[in-house]
Protein backbone atom coordinates (compact mmCIF):
# COMPACT_ATOMS: atom_id res chain seq x y z
CA MET A 1 0.00 0.00 0.00
CA ASN A 2 1.68 3.28 -1.12
CA GLN A 3 1.43 6.82 0.22
CA ARG A 4 -1.22 7.78 -2.37
CA THR A 5 -3.53 5.06 -1.08
CA HIS A 6 -2.96 6.30 2.48
CA LEU A 7 -3.94 9.82 1.36
CA LYS A 8 -7.13 8.52 -0.27
CA LEU A 9 -8.11 6.71 2.93
CA LEU A 10 -7.43 9.81 4.98
CA ILE A 11 -9.55 11.95 2.63
CA LEU A 12 -12.37 9.40 2.83
CA LEU A 13 -12.30 9.45 6.64
CA ILE A 14 -12.34 13.27 6.67
CA CYS A 15 -15.31 13.30 4.30
CA CYS A 16 -17.20 10.85 6.51
CA CYS A 17 -16.47 12.97 9.58
CA LEU A 18 -17.69 16.10 7.76
CA LEU A 19 -20.81 14.19 6.77
CA VAL A 20 -21.50 13.26 10.39
CA GLY A 21 -20.84 16.84 11.51
CA ALA A 22 -23.19 18.23 8.93
CA SER A 23 -25.84 15.67 9.78
CA SER A 24 -25.65 16.21 13.52
CA SER A 25 -26.57 19.84 13.12
CA SER A 26 -29.95 18.86 11.68
CA HIS A 27 -31.35 16.98 14.71
CA ASP A 28 -33.97 19.61 15.24
CA SER A 29 -35.22 19.23 11.67
CA ALA A 30 -35.17 15.40 11.67
CA ALA A 31 -38.85 15.31 10.98
CA SER A 32 -38.34 17.04 7.67
CA GLU A 33 -38.15 15.19 4.39
CA ILE A 34 -34.74 13.40 4.02
CA SER A 35 -33.34 12.58 0.64
CA LEU A 36 -32.51 9.03 -0.38
CA VAL A 37 -28.94 10.09 -1.18
CA ARG A 38 -28.39 11.23 2.41
CA LEU A 39 -29.84 7.97 3.70
CA ILE A 40 -27.41 5.98 1.58
CA LEU A 41 -24.49 8.12 2.73
CA LEU A 42 -25.46 7.55 6.38
CA ALA A 43 -25.63 3.78 5.80
CA VAL A 44 -22.24 3.79 4.06
CA SER A 45 -20.76 5.88 6.89
CA LEU A 46 -22.14 3.45 9.46
CA ILE A 47 -20.50 0.52 7.67
CA ILE A 48 -17.16 2.35 7.33
CA PHE A 49 -16.91 3.33 10.98
CA LEU A 50 -18.13 -0.08 12.12
CA MET A 51 -15.31 -1.58 10.05
CA LEU A 52 -12.85 0.83 11.68
CA SER A 53 -14.11 -0.24 15.09
CA SER A 54 -13.57 -3.86 14.09
CA PHE A 55 -10.10 -3.04 12.77
CA TYR A 56 -8.87 -1.32 15.94
CA SER A 57 -10.49 -3.85 18.26
CA GLY A 58 -8.91 -6.73 16.35
CA SER A 59 -5.57 -4.91 16.17
CA GLU A 60 -5.43 -4.76 19.96
CA THR A 61 -5.81 -8.56 20.12
CA ALA A 62 -3.35 -9.16 17.28
CA ALA A 63 -0.66 -7.01 18.92
CA VAL A 64 -0.85 -9.19 22.04
CA SER A 65 -1.22 -12.58 20.33
CA LEU A 66 1.28 -12.37 17.46
CA ASN A 67 4.54 -14.33 17.45
CA LYS A 68 7.12 -11.68 18.33
CA ILE A 69 10.03 -14.00 17.53
CA ARG A 70 8.76 -14.51 13.99
CA VAL A 71 8.18 -10.77 13.56
CA ASN A 72 11.72 -10.01 14.74
CA ARG A 73 13.15 -12.57 12.33
CA LEU A 74 11.21 -11.12 9.38
CA ALA A 75 12.27 -7.62 10.37
CA GLU A 76 15.93 -8.69 10.40
CA GLU A 77 15.45 -10.18 6.94
CA GLY A 78 14.32 -6.78 5.63
CA ASP A 79 10.52 -7.16 5.60
CA LYS A 80 9.25 -3.55 5.83
CA ARG A 81 5.87 -4.54 7.22
CA ALA A 82 7.51 -6.59 9.94
CA GLN A 83 9.78 -3.64 10.75
CA ILE A 84 6.74 -1.40 11.23
CA VAL A 85 5.02 -3.97 13.45
CA LYS A 86 8.19 -4.54 15.47
CA LYS A 87 8.63 -0.82 16.08
CA LEU A 88 5.05 -0.44 17.29
CA ILE A 89 4.96 -3.48 19.60
CA GLU A 90 8.28 -2.53 21.20
CA THR A 91 6.25 0.06 23.15
CA PRO A 92 3.13 -1.89 24.18
CA GLU A 93 1.67 1.06 26.12
CA ARG A 94 1.73 3.22 22.99
CA MET A 95 0.25 0.43 20.84
CA LEU A 96 -2.51 -0.20 23.38
CA GLY A 97 -3.28 3.51 23.61
CA LEU A 98 -3.37 3.77 19.82
CA THR A 99 -5.87 0.92 19.43
CA LEU A 100 -8.04 2.14 22.30
CA VAL A 101 -8.18 5.68 20.94
CA GLY A 102 -9.07 4.37 17.48
CA THR A 103 -11.70 1.99 18.88
CA ASN A 104 -13.37 4.63 21.03
CA ILE A 105 -13.44 7.27 18.29
CA ALA A 106 -14.87 4.76 15.83
CA ASN A 107 -17.49 3.56 18.34
CA VAL A 108 -18.60 7.11 19.21
CA ILE A 109 -18.98 8.08 15.55
CA THR A 110 -20.72 4.76 14.80
CA SER A 111 -23.24 5.45 17.56
CA GLU A 112 -23.88 8.98 16.27
CA VAL A 113 -24.27 7.84 12.66
CA GLY A 114 -26.51 4.98 13.77
CA LEU A 115 -28.81 7.35 15.63
CA LEU A 116 -29.05 9.64 12.59
CA LEU A 117 -29.76 6.66 10.33
CA VAL A 118 -32.59 5.39 12.56
CA ILE A 119 -34.08 8.88 12.73
CA ALA A 120 -33.84 9.16 8.97
CA LEU A 121 -35.52 5.80 8.45
CA VAL A 122 -38.49 6.41 10.75
CA HIS A 123 -39.08 9.87 9.24
CA LEU A 124 -39.09 8.83 5.61
CA PRO A 125 -42.32 9.91 3.91
CA GLU A 126 -42.61 6.43 2.39
CA THR A 127 -42.76 4.89 5.89
CA ASN A 128 -45.35 7.28 7.27
CA SER A 129 -47.73 4.82 8.96
CA ILE A 130 -49.29 4.42 12.39
CA ILE A 131 -46.66 1.89 13.52
CA VAL A 132 -43.74 3.97 12.25
CA THR A 133 -45.24 7.11 13.78
CA LYS A 134 -45.33 5.42 17.18
CA LEU A 135 -41.75 4.23 16.74
CA GLN A 136 -40.64 7.85 16.35
CA ASP A 137 -41.16 8.31 20.10
CA TYR A 138 -38.58 5.53 20.79
CA GLU A 139 -36.10 6.26 18.02
CA GLU A 140 -33.20 6.88 20.45
CA VAL A 141 -33.87 3.62 22.33
CA ILE A 142 -34.07 1.69 19.06
CA ALA A 143 -30.84 3.25 17.82
CA THR A 144 -29.07 2.44 21.09
CA VAL A 145 -30.13 -1.22 21.06
CA VAL A 146 -29.32 -1.77 17.36
CA ILE A 147 -25.94 -0.02 17.47
CA THR A 148 -24.96 -1.77 20.70
CA VAL A 149 -25.65 -5.18 19.16
CA LEU A 150 -23.76 -4.26 15.97
CA ILE A 151 -20.71 -2.96 17.87
CA LEU A 152 -20.71 -5.92 20.26
CA ILE A 153 -20.83 -8.54 17.50
CA PHE A 154 -19.04 -6.91 14.56
CA GLY A 155 -16.88 -4.44 16.47
CA GLU A 156 -15.69 -6.60 19.37
CA ILE A 157 -16.42 -10.35 19.40
CA LEU A 158 -15.86 -11.34 15.75
CA PRO A 159 -12.73 -9.22 15.10
CA LYS A 160 -11.08 -10.36 18.32
CA ILE A 161 -11.70 -14.01 17.45
CA ILE A 162 -10.46 -13.58 13.87
CA PHE A 163 -7.39 -11.49 14.72
CA ARG A 164 -6.41 -13.86 17.51
CA ALA A 165 -6.63 -16.91 15.23
CA LYS A 166 -4.65 -15.21 12.42
CA ALA A 167 -2.57 -12.78 14.48
CA ASP A 168 0.71 -13.06 12.54
CA ALA A 169 -0.76 -12.80 9.05
CA LEU A 170 -3.24 -10.03 9.85
CA ALA A 171 -0.69 -8.00 11.81
CA LEU A 172 1.60 -7.93 8.77
CA ARG A 173 -1.28 -7.06 6.43
CA CYS A 174 -2.37 -4.23 8.70
CA ALA A 175 1.14 -2.88 9.25
CA TYR A 176 0.74 0.17 6.97
CA LEU A 177 -2.72 0.95 8.38
CA TRP A 178 -1.19 0.79 11.87
CA ARG A 179 1.48 3.20 10.72
CA VAL A 180 -1.13 5.64 9.30
CA SER A 181 -3.13 5.37 12.52
CA ASP A 182 0.01 6.06 14.50
CA ILE A 183 0.56 9.26 12.51
CA ILE A 184 -3.07 10.39 12.99
CA PHE A 185 -3.70 9.34 16.60
CA GLY A 186 -0.14 9.18 17.90
CA GLY A 187 -0.36 12.49 19.77
CA ILE A 188 -3.64 11.56 21.45
CA ALA A 189 -2.31 8.08 22.33
CA ASN A 190 0.85 9.55 23.83
CA ALA A 191 -1.13 12.01 25.92
CA ALA A 192 -3.49 9.29 27.15
CA THR A 193 -0.56 6.99 27.97
CA TYR A 194 1.24 9.76 29.85
CA LEU A 195 -1.84 10.63 31.92
CA THR A 196 -2.50 6.95 32.66
CA ASN A 197 1.06 6.33 33.84
CA PHE A 198 0.94 9.51 35.91
CA PHE A 199 -2.20 8.45 37.79
CA VAL A 200 -0.96 4.87 38.17
CA LYS A 201 2.24 6.16 39.80
CA ILE A 202 0.23 8.30 42.19
CA ILE A 203 -2.12 5.46 43.15
CA SER A 204 0.55 2.76 43.49
CA LYS A 205 3.29 5.03 44.89
CA ASP A 206 3.26 3.29 48.27
CA GLU A 207 2.43 -0.16 46.90
CA PRO A 208 5.41 -1.47 44.90
CA THR A 209 4.81 -4.69 43.01
CA SER A 210 6.38 -7.54 44.94
CA PRO A 211 8.50 -10.19 43.20
CA ASP A 212 6.05 -12.83 44.46
CA ALA A 213 3.17 -11.07 42.68
CA GLN A 214 5.19 -10.92 39.47
CA ARG A 215 5.97 -14.64 39.72
CA ASP A 216 2.28 -15.39 40.30
CA GLU A 217 1.43 -13.44 37.15
CA LEU A 218 4.02 -15.38 35.12
CA ARG A 219 2.70 -18.64 36.56
CA LEU A 220 -0.84 -17.65 35.52
CA LEU A 221 0.33 -16.73 32.02
CA ALA A 222 2.01 -20.12 31.66
CA THR A 223 -1.18 -21.87 32.76
CA MET A 224 -3.25 -19.83 30.30
CA GLY A 225 -0.73 -20.64 27.58
CA GLU A 226 -1.17 -24.35 28.23
CA GLN A 227 -4.96 -24.05 28.22
CA SER A 228 -4.89 -22.18 24.90
CA GLY A 229 -2.49 -24.71 23.37
CA ASP A 230 0.37 -22.25 22.88
CA ILE A 231 2.73 -24.22 25.16
CA LEU A 232 2.90 -27.89 26.09
CA LYS A 233 2.12 -29.36 29.48
CA ASP A 234 5.77 -30.19 30.16
CA GLN A 235 6.81 -26.68 29.20
CA ARG A 236 4.24 -25.20 31.58
CA ARG A 237 5.46 -27.47 34.37
CA MET A 238 9.08 -26.45 33.78
CA ILE A 239 8.15 -22.76 33.90
CA HIS A 240 6.36 -23.32 37.20
CA SER A 241 9.37 -25.22 38.54
CA VAL A 242 11.75 -22.39 37.65
CA LEU A 243 9.47 -19.87 39.37
CA ASP A 244 9.29 -22.09 42.47
CA LEU A 245 13.08 -22.24 42.82
CA GLN A 246 13.05 -18.86 44.52
CA ASN A 247 11.26 -20.36 47.52
CA ARG A 248 13.31 -23.58 47.82
CA THR A 249 16.53 -24.16 49.73
CA VAL A 250 19.26 -26.73 49.21
CA GLU A 251 18.09 -28.60 52.30
CA GLN A 252 14.86 -29.41 50.48
CA VAL A 253 16.61 -31.00 47.48
CA MET A 254 19.77 -32.50 49.03
CA VAL A 255 20.54 -36.17 49.52
CA PRO A 256 20.51 -36.56 53.33
CA LEU A 257 23.58 -37.86 55.14
CA VAL A 258 22.00 -41.25 55.88
CA ASP A 259 21.51 -41.84 52.15
CA ILE A 260 24.97 -40.75 50.98
CA VAL A 261 26.93 -43.51 49.26
CA ALA A 262 30.55 -43.16 50.46
CA VAL A 263 33.70 -45.22 51.13
CA GLU A 264 36.55 -45.03 53.63
CA LYS A 265 39.83 -43.46 52.58
CA ASP A 266 41.83 -46.73 52.90
CA THR A 267 39.51 -48.71 50.59
CA ASP A 268 41.50 -50.84 48.14
CA ILE A 269 41.11 -50.41 44.38
CA GLU A 270 39.29 -53.67 43.70
CA THR A 271 36.74 -53.03 46.45
CA PHE A 272 36.21 -49.50 45.17
CA LEU A 273 35.59 -50.69 41.59
CA ASN A 274 33.08 -53.28 42.79
CA PHE A 275 31.41 -50.66 44.96
CA THR A 276 31.00 -48.18 42.09
CA SER A 277 29.71 -50.94 39.82
CA GLU A 278 26.98 -51.82 42.34
CA SER A 279 26.07 -48.25 43.25
CA GLY A 280 26.07 -46.86 39.70
CA PHE A 281 27.81 -43.62 40.73
CA SER A 282 31.03 -42.29 39.19
CA ARG A 283 31.92 -39.76 41.92
CA ILE A 284 32.16 -41.26 45.38
CA PRO A 285 32.61 -39.23 48.59
CA VAL A 286 35.38 -40.47 50.87
CA TYR A 287 35.29 -40.25 54.68
CA ASP A 288 37.83 -40.73 57.44
CA GLY A 289 36.57 -42.81 60.33
CA ARG A 290 32.89 -41.77 60.28
CA ILE A 291 30.51 -40.86 57.46
CA TYR A 292 30.05 -37.26 58.63
CA ASN A 293 33.81 -36.68 58.36
CA ILE A 294 34.00 -36.45 54.57
CA ILE A 295 37.48 -35.47 53.40
CA GLY A 296 37.25 -35.67 49.61
CA ILE A 297 35.88 -37.26 46.44
CA VAL A 298 37.28 -40.01 44.21
CA HIS A 299 36.31 -40.07 40.55
CA LEU A 300 35.94 -43.49 38.93
CA LEU A 301 37.75 -42.40 35.74
CA ASP A 302 40.82 -41.37 37.73
CA VAL A 303 41.08 -44.91 39.07
CA ILE A 304 40.35 -46.65 35.77
CA TYR A 305 42.95 -44.68 33.78
CA SER A 306 45.68 -44.89 36.43
CA ASN A 307 48.89 -46.87 35.85
CA GLY A 308 47.80 -49.50 38.38
CA ASP A 309 50.53 -48.89 40.96
CA ALA A 310 48.20 -47.61 43.70
CA LYS A 311 46.77 -50.14 46.15
CA THR A 312 44.15 -47.86 47.77
CA ILE A 313 42.07 -44.95 46.56
CA GLU A 314 43.91 -42.40 48.71
CA PRO A 315 46.23 -41.19 45.89
CA PHE A 316 43.16 -40.30 43.79
CA LEU A 317 41.49 -38.30 46.53
CA ARG A 318 40.32 -34.83 45.50
CA THR A 319 40.20 -32.71 48.64
CA ASP A 320 39.02 -29.48 47.02
CA LEU A 321 35.45 -29.62 48.33
CA GLN A 322 32.74 -26.97 48.31
CA PHE A 323 30.52 -26.51 51.37
CA ILE A 324 27.28 -24.54 51.44
CA PRO A 325 24.81 -23.77 54.27
CA ASN A 326 21.55 -25.69 54.37
CA SER A 327 19.59 -22.42 54.14
CA GLN A 328 21.11 -21.34 50.82
CA ASN A 329 18.65 -20.61 48.03
CA ILE A 330 18.73 -22.90 45.00
CA ASN A 331 18.93 -19.91 42.64
CA VAL A 332 22.13 -18.77 44.34
CA LEU A 333 23.63 -22.26 44.09
CA LEU A 334 22.79 -22.49 40.38
CA LYS A 335 24.82 -19.33 39.81
CA GLU A 336 27.76 -20.48 41.96
CA ILE A 337 28.25 -23.97 40.52
CA PRO A 338 29.42 -22.87 37.02
CA ARG A 339 31.98 -20.55 38.60
CA SER A 340 33.30 -23.09 41.11
CA HIS A 341 33.40 -26.03 38.65
CA HIS A 342 32.11 -28.35 41.39
CA THR A 343 29.38 -30.75 40.27
CA MET A 344 28.92 -32.07 43.82
CA VAL A 345 28.68 -29.79 46.87
CA PHE A 346 28.21 -30.69 50.52
CA VAL A 347 25.57 -29.16 52.77
CA VAL A 348 26.44 -28.16 56.34
CA ASP A 349 24.27 -27.08 59.27
CA GLU A 350 24.78 -24.14 61.59
CA TYR A 351 27.39 -26.09 63.57
CA GLY A 352 29.47 -26.94 60.49
CA GLY A 353 28.53 -30.62 60.37
CA ILE A 354 27.81 -32.24 57.02
CA ILE A 355 24.11 -33.15 56.71
CA GLY A 356 23.87 -33.98 52.99
CA LEU A 357 25.05 -33.31 49.45
CA VAL A 358 23.65 -31.76 46.30
CA THR A 359 24.64 -32.59 42.72
CA VAL A 360 23.96 -30.87 39.43
CA GLU A 361 21.55 -33.67 38.62
CA ASP A 362 19.49 -32.84 41.72
CA LEU A 363 19.21 -29.21 40.62
CA ILE A 364 18.28 -30.09 37.05
CA GLU A 365 15.58 -32.47 38.28
CA GLU A 366 14.02 -29.59 40.21
CA ILE A 367 13.34 -27.94 36.84
CA VAL A 368 12.76 -30.75 34.33
CA GLY A 369 11.43 -33.35 36.76
CA GLU A 370 12.76 -36.70 37.86
CA PHE A 371 14.71 -38.65 35.28
CA SER A 372 16.15 -42.08 35.82
CA ASP A 373 18.39 -44.67 34.22
CA GLU A 374 18.45 -48.44 34.41
CA ARG A 375 20.15 -48.34 37.81
CA ASP A 376 17.61 -46.13 39.53
CA GLU A 377 14.95 -47.63 41.76
CA PRO A 378 11.28 -47.60 40.72
CA HIS A 379 9.08 -44.62 41.48
CA SER A 380 9.16 -43.61 45.14
CA ILE A 381 5.37 -43.03 45.07
CA ARG A 382 3.15 -45.82 43.75
CA LEU A 383 -0.64 -45.81 43.50
CA ILE A 384 -1.75 -49.32 44.49
CA SER A 385 -5.50 -48.70 44.27
CA PRO A 386 -7.72 -45.61 43.96
CA ARG A 387 -7.71 -45.23 47.76
CA LEU A 388 -4.28 -46.63 48.64
CA LEU A 389 -0.75 -45.53 47.75
CA GLU A 390 2.71 -46.53 48.89
CA CYS A 391 5.72 -44.23 49.13
CA GLU A 392 9.15 -43.99 50.63
CA GLY A 393 9.58 -42.23 53.94
CA ARG A 394 11.49 -39.41 52.25
CA ALA A 395 8.66 -38.64 49.79
CA GLU A 396 8.00 -34.91 50.03
CA ILE A 397 4.72 -33.57 51.39
CA HIS A 398 4.21 -31.06 48.58
CA THR A 399 4.73 -33.82 45.97
CA LEU A 400 2.12 -36.04 47.60
CA SER A 401 -0.27 -33.10 47.78
CA GLN A 402 0.21 -31.83 44.23
CA GLN A 403 0.41 -35.16 42.39
CA PHE A 404 -2.11 -37.21 44.37
CA GLY A 405 -4.08 -34.70 46.44
CA VAL A 406 -3.01 -36.23 49.77
CA PRO A 407 -4.30 -33.84 52.48
CA ILE A 408 -1.33 -33.64 54.87
CA PRO A 409 -1.06 -30.39 56.86
CA SER A 410 2.12 -28.34 56.50
CA GLY A 411 4.52 -27.96 59.39
CA ASP A 412 8.16 -28.00 60.41
CA TYR A 413 8.90 -30.97 58.13
CA GLU A 414 9.35 -31.70 54.44
CA THR A 415 8.70 -35.45 54.10
CA ILE A 416 6.04 -37.95 55.10
CA ALA A 417 8.54 -39.48 57.53
CA GLY A 418 8.98 -36.03 59.10
CA TYR A 419 5.21 -35.71 59.51
CA ILE A 420 5.02 -39.12 61.19
CA LEU A 421 7.89 -38.26 63.56
CA ASP A 422 6.16 -34.96 64.36
CA GLN A 423 2.99 -36.84 65.28
CA THR A 424 4.52 -39.72 67.23
CA GLY A 425 7.66 -38.19 68.73
CA THR A 426 9.53 -41.43 68.10
CA ILE A 427 10.42 -43.82 65.26
CA PRO A 428 7.43 -46.18 65.05
CA THR A 429 7.69 -49.88 64.30
CA PRO A 430 6.29 -51.52 61.15
CA GLY A 431 2.53 -51.87 61.36
CA HIS A 432 2.02 -48.74 63.43
CA GLN A 433 -0.92 -46.60 62.25
CA ILE A 434 -1.67 -42.88 62.40
CA GLN A 435 -5.31 -41.98 61.82
CA THR A 436 -6.76 -38.60 60.92
CA ASP A 437 -10.20 -37.55 59.74
CA GLU A 438 -9.13 -38.07 56.14
CA LEU A 439 -6.24 -40.58 56.16
CA ILE A 440 -4.90 -43.77 57.65
CA ILE A 441 -1.07 -43.82 57.52
CA ILE A 442 0.54 -47.24 57.99
CA ILE A 443 4.28 -47.73 58.51
CA SER A 444 5.17 -50.71 56.33
CA ASP A 445 8.97 -50.68 56.72
CA ALA A 446 11.19 -49.03 59.32
CA ASN A 447 14.35 -49.68 61.33
CA ALA A 448 15.87 -48.19 64.45
CA ARG A 449 17.08 -45.10 62.52
CA ALA A 450 14.51 -44.23 59.85
CA ILE A 451 11.07 -44.81 58.36
CA ARG A 452 11.61 -46.45 54.98
CA LYS A 453 8.17 -47.16 53.47
CA VAL A 454 4.69 -45.89 54.23
CA ARG A 455 1.21 -46.77 52.99
CA ILE A 456 -1.45 -44.07 52.93
CA GLN A 457 -5.14 -44.96 52.76
CA SER A 458 -7.87 -42.41 52.04
CA ARG A 459 -10.99 -42.45 54.22
CA ILE A 460 -13.07 -39.92 52.26
CA GLY A 461 -12.49 -40.61 48.56
CA ASN A 462 -10.10 -41.64 45.82
CA PHE A 463 -6.67 -40.15 45.30
CA THR A 464 -6.55 -38.07 42.13
CA GLN A 465 -3.31 -38.71 40.26
CA SER A 466 -2.05 -35.69 38.32
CA GLU A 467 0.78 -35.46 35.76
CA THR A 468 1.32 -31.78 36.54
CA SER A 469 2.84 -30.01 39.42
């Protein structure tokens, strides 16, 4: 579309506006005889401004729904329409103000033209009958109802549906019209945007947006994206997991000390190789005397590619360890690990004692979910029947709640074993039961140190298994 076409459109709009202005001055003489030519012009004007209302209403939806990555790529390739669209959507407040100004102006003029058209129709000499004469008393009501229906259907609902379904294609086709509109209404849109931002700053001056509120908004957008089909379920879950990292500490994701697979420093090579083969791990912590006195790590590859002179693993010991507090945020740890080049870090409590370890795999699983190989044990949570499930003692409360809807109250614990210990005050024996109004919790396996397996039975309904978190 060239500049001459833009000029023709602008002249047409000005003519229509002049027509409306000239017509509005004749309200007092509406009962006079109206020419057929004027009636046709009013009808054409109504259609034009209704189309403009549809255009601006749909443009608002297209600007939000279009694929910005594709637009940026086309703009880089030299597509002039894409360059115009990119420039406009880079300032969303201006684009929103532009479409709202255009929509409101078009709707106001459409309403005015519609009223004049209804008045013209009911005062035509050819329609001078008893029924039409009575309708003249309600001409404003009739015009309001008819124009409202037309604007609602053809100016709002249909264009929004169409422009949302074909956002990319229609945005590029409308690029030059957007540019013309920006030239015509840009000043008004800028003024409206400035005033809006000014009042928003005054109202929200003492109420800064919290990071938690922003994360909740992003979480909602991801959920809406999944519901609309724009993103996949796994992608939505990963986005939620990334947003949840801010509220999780390393203590919640670490392997506890009792579950750490480690060897003594004087372990011979053959025993070490057999141990790694059975455990399936390539990096093994090494302790001196007791498990909580970890002094280093031995890597399987260091032992395999050695010259074979060493009799124990002590020559291969890597003592450069990284220790982190149990209260450290996962986000902080994710930033530190690439700089420290440690793929395994040890977690200490406030007294400096080692209470667990965290690996890169643990952190990745917090985002992408659990992944396993042929050496990993089966799922730690297993649904036996609609009302009965079995899980390990270290199964987390929030996982049971989100994936199966298990109603366990929150408290100063993270796992089902922690909840049981909080209720009993001691390590119960196998067969012991804890009953609540909604659940029956049965300890199926335990020893003198820990609760290993638990069965949970619902008393009020079936457990609802969910693939999402």
